C-alpha cells in the first residue's frame, strides 16, 4: 500500500476514534441531563399536588371560620387538625423547593446577581467568593 494512503488511513482512524469518544461523552451528558429533568419534573409534580391539597385545606378552614362568624359551633380540634396538616404540607413544599434548587447547575452571586456555574469559586462578573 502506498505510504500516503497508509498515512491518510491512520489519520482517518484517529479522527474516527476521537469522534467516537466525543459522541460517547455527549451521550453521557445527555443521559445525565435527562435524568435531572425527570427528577425535577417529579419534584414539581409533588409540589403541585401538595399545593392543590393546601388549597382544599384553605377552603375548609375558611368555611369553618365563616361558620363561627355565623354563630355555628365548630370543634376546635377540627380546626387545629387542619391547621397542623397545612403546616406539614407547607414544610414538605419548602423541602421539595430546596431540593429542586439544589439540583440546578447554577448559583446566583449574592453581590452582583450574576448567574454563575456551581463549579465557580468566584463570580466571573464581580470577583466575589461564591
N, C-alpha and C. Protein backbone atom coordinates (compact mmCIF):
# COMPACT_ATOMS: atom_id res chain seq x y z
N UNK A 1 0.86 -1.17 0.00
CA UNK A 1 0.00 0.00 0.00
C UNK A 1 0.90 1.23 0.00
N UNK A 2 0.47 2.23 -0.68
CA UNK A 2 1.23 3.47 -0.79
C UNK A 2 1.34 4.13 0.59
N UNK A 3 2.47 4.74 0.89
CA UNK A 3 2.72 5.37 2.19
C UNK A 3 1.74 6.51 2.44
N UNK A 4 1.40 7.27 1.41
CA UNK A 4 0.46 8.39 1.57
C UNK A 4 -0.93 7.88 1.92
N UNK A 5 -1.32 6.81 1.29
CA UNK A 5 -2.63 6.23 1.57
C UNK A 5 -2.65 5.69 3.00
N UNK A 6 -1.57 5.03 3.41
CA UNK A 6 -1.48 4.50 4.76
C UNK A 6 -1.54 5.63 5.79
N UNK A 7 -0.83 6.72 5.55
CA UNK A 7 -0.85 7.88 6.44
C UNK A 7 -2.26 8.46 6.52
N UNK A 8 -2.90 8.58 5.36
CA UNK A 8 -4.27 9.10 5.32
C UNK A 8 -5.22 8.21 6.12
N UNK A 9 -5.11 6.90 5.96
CA UNK A 9 -5.98 5.97 6.69
C UNK A 9 -5.72 6.03 8.19
N UNK A 10 -4.46 6.18 8.58
CA UNK A 10 -4.15 6.31 10.00
C UNK A 10 -4.75 7.58 10.59
N UNK A 11 -4.69 8.68 9.83
CA UNK A 11 -5.28 9.94 10.30
C UNK A 11 -6.80 9.80 10.41
N UNK A 12 -7.40 9.13 9.46
CA UNK A 12 -8.85 8.93 9.49
C UNK A 12 -9.25 8.07 10.69
N UNK A 13 -8.42 7.09 11.01
CA UNK A 13 -8.68 6.23 12.16
C UNK A 13 -8.64 7.04 13.45
N UNK A 14 -7.66 7.95 13.56
CA UNK A 14 -7.54 8.82 14.74
C UNK A 14 -8.76 9.73 14.85
N UNK A 15 -9.16 10.33 13.72
CA UNK A 15 -10.32 11.23 13.72
C UNK A 15 -11.58 10.45 14.11
N UNK A 16 -11.76 9.27 13.56
CA UNK A 16 -12.93 8.45 13.88
C UNK A 16 -12.94 8.08 15.36
N UNK A 17 -11.78 7.76 15.90
CA UNK A 17 -11.67 7.41 17.31
C UNK A 17 -12.05 8.60 18.19
N UNK A 18 -11.55 9.77 17.87
CA UNK A 18 -11.87 10.98 18.64
C UNK A 18 -13.36 11.31 18.54
N UNK A 19 -13.89 11.17 17.35
CA UNK A 19 -15.32 11.43 17.15
C UNK A 19 -16.15 10.48 17.98
N UNK A 20 -15.76 9.22 18.01
CA UNK A 20 -16.47 8.22 18.79
C UNK A 20 -16.43 8.57 20.28
N UNK A 21 -15.27 8.97 20.77
CA UNK A 21 -15.14 9.35 22.17
C UNK A 21 -15.99 10.58 22.50
N UNK A 22 -15.99 11.56 21.60
CA UNK A 22 -16.79 12.77 21.81
C UNK A 22 -18.27 12.43 21.82
N UNK A 23 -18.68 11.55 20.93
CA UNK A 23 -20.08 11.14 20.89
C UNK A 23 -20.47 10.41 22.17
N UNK A 24 -19.57 9.59 22.68
CA UNK A 24 -19.83 8.88 23.93
C UNK A 24 -19.99 9.84 25.10
N UNK A 25 -19.11 10.84 25.16
CA UNK A 25 -19.22 11.85 26.23
C UNK A 25 -20.52 12.64 26.10
N UNK A 26 -20.88 12.99 24.86
CA UNK A 26 -22.13 13.73 24.64
C UNK A 26 -23.34 12.91 25.07
N UNK A 27 -23.31 11.62 24.78
CA UNK A 27 -24.41 10.75 25.19
C UNK A 27 -24.50 10.65 26.71
N UNK A 28 -23.35 10.58 27.37
CA UNK A 28 -23.34 10.54 28.84
C UNK A 28 -23.94 11.82 29.43
N UNK A 29 -23.54 12.95 28.88
CA UNK A 29 -24.05 14.24 29.36
C UNK A 29 -25.55 14.33 29.12
N UNK A 30 -25.98 13.91 27.93
CA UNK A 30 -27.41 13.96 27.61
C UNK A 30 -28.21 13.05 28.54
N UNK A 31 -27.66 11.89 28.85
CA UNK A 31 -28.33 10.98 29.77
C UNK A 31 -28.46 11.55 31.16
N UNK A 32 -27.39 12.17 31.64
CA UNK A 32 -27.43 12.80 32.97
C UNK A 32 -28.43 13.94 33.00
N UNK A 33 -28.45 14.74 31.93
CA UNK A 33 -29.38 15.87 31.88
C UNK A 33 -30.82 15.38 31.84
N UNK A 34 -31.07 14.31 31.09
CA UNK A 34 -32.43 13.75 31.03
C UNK A 34 -32.86 13.24 32.40
N UNK A 35 -31.95 12.64 33.13
CA UNK A 35 -32.26 12.16 34.47
C UNK A 35 -32.58 13.34 35.39
N UNK A 36 -31.78 14.41 35.30
CA UNK A 36 -32.04 15.60 36.12
C UNK A 36 -33.40 16.19 35.81
N UNK A 37 -33.73 16.27 34.52
CA UNK A 37 -35.02 16.84 34.11
C UNK A 37 -36.16 15.97 34.62
N UNK A 38 -36.01 14.66 34.55
CA UNK A 38 -37.05 13.76 35.05
C UNK A 38 -37.23 13.93 36.56
N UNK A 39 -36.14 14.04 37.29
CA UNK A 39 -36.22 14.23 38.74
C UNK A 39 -36.88 15.58 39.07
N UNK A 40 -36.49 16.62 38.34
CA UNK A 40 -37.08 17.94 38.58
C UNK A 40 -38.57 17.93 38.28
N UNK A 41 -38.97 17.24 37.22
CA UNK A 41 -40.39 17.15 36.87
C UNK A 41 -41.16 16.42 37.96
N UNK A 42 -40.58 15.36 38.47
CA UNK A 42 -41.23 14.60 39.55
C UNK A 42 -41.42 15.48 40.78
N UNK A 43 -40.40 16.23 41.13
CA UNK A 43 -40.49 17.12 42.29
C UNK A 43 -41.53 18.21 42.05
N UNK A 44 -41.53 18.79 40.85
CA UNK A 44 -42.52 19.83 40.53
C UNK A 44 -43.94 19.28 40.61
N UNK A 45 -44.15 18.05 40.18
CA UNK A 45 -45.48 17.44 40.29
C UNK A 45 -45.88 17.22 41.74
N UNK A 46 -44.92 16.82 42.58
CA UNK A 46 -45.20 16.67 44.01
C UNK A 46 -45.58 18.02 44.62
N UNK A 47 -44.86 19.07 44.24
CA UNK A 47 -45.18 20.41 44.75
C UNK A 47 -46.57 20.82 44.30
N UNK A 48 -46.89 20.56 43.03
CA UNK A 48 -48.22 20.90 42.51
C UNK A 48 -49.31 20.18 43.29
N UNK A 49 -49.12 18.88 43.52
CA UNK A 49 -50.12 18.11 44.27
C UNK A 49 -50.28 18.63 45.69
N UNK A 50 -49.17 18.94 46.35
CA UNK A 50 -49.24 19.47 47.71
C UNK A 50 -49.93 20.83 47.74
N UNK A 51 -49.66 21.67 46.75
CA UNK A 51 -50.33 22.97 46.69
C UNK A 51 -51.83 22.80 46.49
N UNK A 52 -52.22 21.83 45.69
CA UNK A 52 -53.65 21.56 45.49
C UNK A 52 -54.29 21.13 46.81
N UNK A 53 -53.61 20.26 47.53
CA UNK A 53 -54.12 19.82 48.84
C UNK A 53 -54.20 20.99 49.82
N UNK A 54 -53.24 21.89 49.76
CA UNK A 54 -53.27 23.08 50.63
C UNK A 54 -54.45 23.97 50.29
N UNK A 55 -54.74 24.13 49.02
CA UNK A 55 -55.88 24.95 48.62
C UNK A 55 -57.19 24.38 49.17
N UNK A 56 -57.31 23.07 49.16
CA UNK A 56 -58.51 22.43 49.72
C UNK A 56 -58.58 22.72 51.22
N UNK A 57 -57.45 22.61 51.91
CA UNK A 57 -57.43 22.90 53.35
C UNK A 57 -57.77 24.36 53.62
N UNK A 58 -57.25 25.27 52.80
CA UNK A 58 -57.59 26.70 52.97
C UNK A 58 -59.10 26.91 52.87
N UNK A 59 -59.72 26.25 51.91
CA UNK A 59 -61.18 26.40 51.75
C UNK A 59 -61.92 25.83 52.94
N UNK A 60 -61.48 24.67 53.43
CA UNK A 60 -62.13 24.07 54.58
C UNK A 60 -61.98 24.94 55.82
N UNK A 61 -60.79 25.48 56.02
CA UNK A 61 -60.55 26.35 57.17
C UNK A 61 -61.36 27.62 57.04
N UNK A 62 -61.40 28.17 55.85
CA UNK A 62 -62.20 29.38 55.61
C UNK A 62 -63.68 29.15 55.89
N UNK A 63 -64.19 28.00 55.47
CA UNK A 63 -65.59 27.69 55.75
C UNK A 63 -65.82 27.57 57.25
N UNK A 64 -64.87 26.97 57.96
CA UNK A 64 -65.02 26.84 59.41
C UNK A 64 -65.04 28.22 60.07
N UNK A 65 -64.16 29.09 59.63
CA UNK A 65 -64.12 30.45 60.19
C UNK A 65 -65.45 31.16 59.91
N UNK A 66 -65.97 30.99 58.70
CA UNK A 66 -67.25 31.63 58.37
C UNK A 66 -68.38 31.04 59.20
N UNK A 67 -68.34 29.73 59.42
CA UNK A 67 -69.36 29.11 60.26
C UNK A 67 -69.33 29.69 61.67
N UNK A 68 -68.13 29.90 62.20
CA UNK A 68 -68.00 30.52 63.52
C UNK A 68 -68.60 31.93 63.49
N UNK A 69 -68.31 32.66 62.41
CA UNK A 69 -68.85 34.02 62.26
C UNK A 69 -70.38 33.99 62.23
N UNK A 70 -70.95 32.95 61.63
CA UNK A 70 -72.40 32.83 61.54
C UNK A 70 -73.04 32.33 62.84
N UNK A 71 -72.18 31.98 63.81
CA UNK A 71 -72.71 31.56 65.10
C UNK A 71 -72.77 30.06 65.29
N UNK A 72 -72.32 29.33 64.32
CA UNK A 72 -72.30 27.87 64.47
C UNK A 72 -71.10 27.47 65.31
N UNK A 73 -71.25 26.36 66.00
CA UNK A 73 -70.15 25.87 66.82
C UNK A 73 -69.28 24.92 65.98
N UNK A 74 -67.99 25.21 65.97
CA UNK A 74 -67.04 24.39 65.22
C UNK A 74 -66.04 23.84 66.24
N UNK A 75 -65.89 22.52 66.30
CA UNK A 75 -64.93 21.95 67.26
C UNK A 75 -63.51 22.45 66.96
N UNK A 76 -62.85 22.94 67.98
CA UNK A 76 -61.51 23.49 67.78
C UNK A 76 -60.53 22.40 67.35
N UNK A 77 -60.81 21.15 67.72
CA UNK A 77 -59.93 20.06 67.31
C UNK A 77 -59.91 19.92 65.79
N UNK A 78 -61.08 20.12 65.15
CA UNK A 78 -61.15 20.02 63.69
C UNK A 78 -60.29 21.10 63.03
N UNK A 79 -60.42 22.31 63.55
CA UNK A 79 -59.65 23.43 63.01
C UNK A 79 -58.15 23.20 63.25
N UNK A 80 -57.80 22.78 64.47
CA UNK A 80 -56.39 22.53 64.79
C UNK A 80 -55.79 21.43 63.92
N UNK A 81 -56.57 20.38 63.68
CA UNK A 81 -56.08 19.26 62.86
C UNK A 81 -55.79 19.73 61.44
N UNK A 82 -56.69 20.54 60.89
CA UNK A 82 -56.47 21.05 59.53
C UNK A 82 -55.28 22.00 59.47
N UNK A 83 -55.14 22.83 60.49
CA UNK A 83 -54.00 23.75 60.54
C UNK A 83 -52.69 22.98 60.63
N UNK A 84 -52.67 21.94 61.44
CA UNK A 84 -51.47 21.13 61.59
C UNK A 84 -51.13 20.43 60.27
N UNK A 85 -52.14 19.89 59.62
CA UNK A 85 -51.92 19.25 58.32
C UNK A 85 -51.40 20.26 57.31
N UNK A 86 -51.94 21.46 57.34
CA UNK A 86 -51.49 22.51 56.43
C UNK A 86 -50.03 22.88 56.69
N UNK A 87 -49.67 22.98 57.96
CA UNK A 87 -48.26 23.26 58.32
C UNK A 87 -47.33 22.18 57.80
N UNK A 88 -47.75 20.92 57.94
CA UNK A 88 -46.92 19.81 57.46
C UNK A 88 -46.74 19.86 55.95
N UNK A 89 -47.82 20.14 55.25
CA UNK A 89 -47.74 20.20 53.78
C UNK A 89 -46.87 21.38 53.34
N UNK A 90 -46.97 22.50 54.02
CA UNK A 90 -46.14 23.65 53.67
C UNK A 90 -44.65 23.34 53.93
N UNK A 91 -44.37 22.60 54.99
CA UNK A 91 -42.98 22.21 55.27
C UNK A 91 -42.46 21.27 54.18
N UNK A 92 -43.31 20.35 53.73
CA UNK A 92 -42.91 19.44 52.64
C UNK A 92 -42.64 20.22 51.36
N UNK A 93 -43.48 21.21 51.07
CA UNK A 93 -43.29 22.04 49.87
C UNK A 93 -41.96 22.77 49.96
N UNK A 94 -41.66 23.34 51.11
CA UNK A 94 -40.40 24.07 51.28
C UNK A 94 -39.20 23.14 51.09
N UNK A 95 -39.29 21.93 51.64
CA UNK A 95 -38.19 20.96 51.49
C UNK A 95 -38.01 20.55 50.03
N UNK A 96 -39.12 20.34 49.32
CA UNK A 96 -39.03 19.99 47.91
C UNK A 96 -38.45 21.13 47.08
N UNK A 97 -38.83 22.36 47.41
CA UNK A 97 -38.26 23.51 46.68
C UNK A 97 -36.76 23.63 46.93
N UNK A 98 -36.35 23.37 48.16
CA UNK A 98 -34.91 23.38 48.46
C UNK A 98 -34.18 22.30 47.67
N UNK A 99 -34.80 21.12 47.60
CA UNK A 99 -34.20 20.02 46.84
C UNK A 99 -34.10 20.39 45.36
N UNK A 100 -35.13 21.02 44.85
CA UNK A 100 -35.14 21.44 43.45
C UNK A 100 -34.07 22.48 43.18
N UNK A 101 -33.92 23.42 44.09
CA UNK A 101 -32.89 24.45 43.93
C UNK A 101 -31.50 23.83 43.97
N UNK A 102 -31.32 22.82 44.79
CA UNK A 102 -30.03 22.15 44.89
C UNK A 102 -29.66 21.38 43.63
N UNK A 103 -30.66 21.04 42.82
CA UNK A 103 -30.40 20.30 41.59
C UNK A 103 -29.93 21.20 40.45
N UNK A 104 -30.22 22.46 40.55
CA UNK A 104 -29.87 23.37 39.46
C UNK A 104 -28.36 23.51 39.37
N UNK A 105 -27.88 23.71 38.15
CA UNK A 105 -26.43 23.77 37.93
C UNK A 105 -25.90 25.19 37.98
N UNK A 106 -26.73 26.11 38.45
CA UNK A 106 -26.27 27.50 38.56
C UNK A 106 -26.47 28.01 39.97
N UNK A 107 -25.71 29.01 40.32
CA UNK A 107 -25.91 29.75 41.56
C UNK A 107 -25.93 31.22 41.19
N UNK A 108 -26.54 32.00 42.03
CA UNK A 108 -26.63 33.44 41.81
C UNK A 108 -25.66 34.13 42.75
N UNK A 109 -24.82 35.01 42.20
CA UNK A 109 -23.86 35.75 43.02
C UNK A 109 -24.65 36.68 43.95
N UNK A 110 -24.36 36.60 45.23
CA UNK A 110 -25.08 37.44 46.20
C UNK A 110 -24.66 38.90 46.11
N UNK A 111 -23.49 39.17 45.53
CA UNK A 111 -23.01 40.55 45.43
C UNK A 111 -23.58 41.28 44.22
N UNK A 112 -23.57 40.62 43.04
CA UNK A 112 -23.99 41.33 41.83
C UNK A 112 -25.20 40.72 41.14
N UNK A 113 -25.63 39.52 41.55
CA UNK A 113 -26.81 38.90 40.97
C UNK A 113 -26.55 38.13 39.68
N UNK A 114 -25.30 38.01 39.26
CA UNK A 114 -24.97 37.30 38.02
C UNK A 114 -25.10 35.80 38.23
N UNK A 115 -25.58 35.09 37.18
CA UNK A 115 -25.65 33.64 37.23
C UNK A 115 -24.25 33.07 37.04
N UNK A 116 -23.89 32.14 37.91
CA UNK A 116 -22.57 31.52 37.85
C UNK A 116 -22.75 30.01 37.89
N UNK A 117 -21.75 29.30 37.42
CA UNK A 117 -21.75 27.85 37.48
C UNK A 117 -21.50 27.40 38.92
N UNK A 118 -22.05 26.25 39.28
CA UNK A 118 -21.81 25.72 40.63
C UNK A 118 -20.34 25.42 40.85
N UNK A 119 -19.60 25.17 39.77
CA UNK A 119 -18.18 24.85 39.88
C UNK A 119 -17.32 26.08 40.14
N UNK A 120 -17.86 27.28 39.87
CA UNK A 120 -17.09 28.52 40.07
C UNK A 120 -16.86 28.77 41.56
N UNK A 121 -15.64 29.17 41.89
CA UNK A 121 -15.34 29.56 43.27
C UNK A 121 -15.58 31.05 43.45
N UNK A 122 -15.39 31.80 42.36
CA UNK A 122 -15.56 33.24 42.39
C UNK A 122 -16.47 33.67 41.24
N UNK A 123 -17.20 34.74 41.44
CA UNK A 123 -18.09 35.27 40.41
C UNK A 123 -17.26 35.84 39.26
N UNK A 124 -17.54 35.43 38.03
CA UNK A 124 -16.81 35.98 36.89
C UNK A 124 -17.18 37.44 36.61
N UNK A 125 -18.29 37.91 37.18
CA UNK A 125 -18.72 39.29 36.96
C UNK A 125 -18.06 40.28 37.89
N UNK A 126 -18.05 39.94 39.18
CA UNK A 126 -17.53 40.92 40.16
C UNK A 126 -16.36 40.37 40.98
N UNK A 127 -16.10 39.08 40.90
CA UNK A 127 -14.97 38.50 41.61
C UNK A 127 -15.25 38.10 43.04
N UNK A 128 -16.48 38.25 43.50
CA UNK A 128 -16.81 37.87 44.88
C UNK A 128 -16.78 36.36 45.05
N UNK A 129 -16.43 35.92 46.24
CA UNK A 129 -16.44 34.49 46.53
C UNK A 129 -17.87 33.99 46.53
N UNK A 130 -18.06 32.79 45.95
CA UNK A 130 -19.40 32.23 45.88
C UNK A 130 -19.62 31.21 46.99
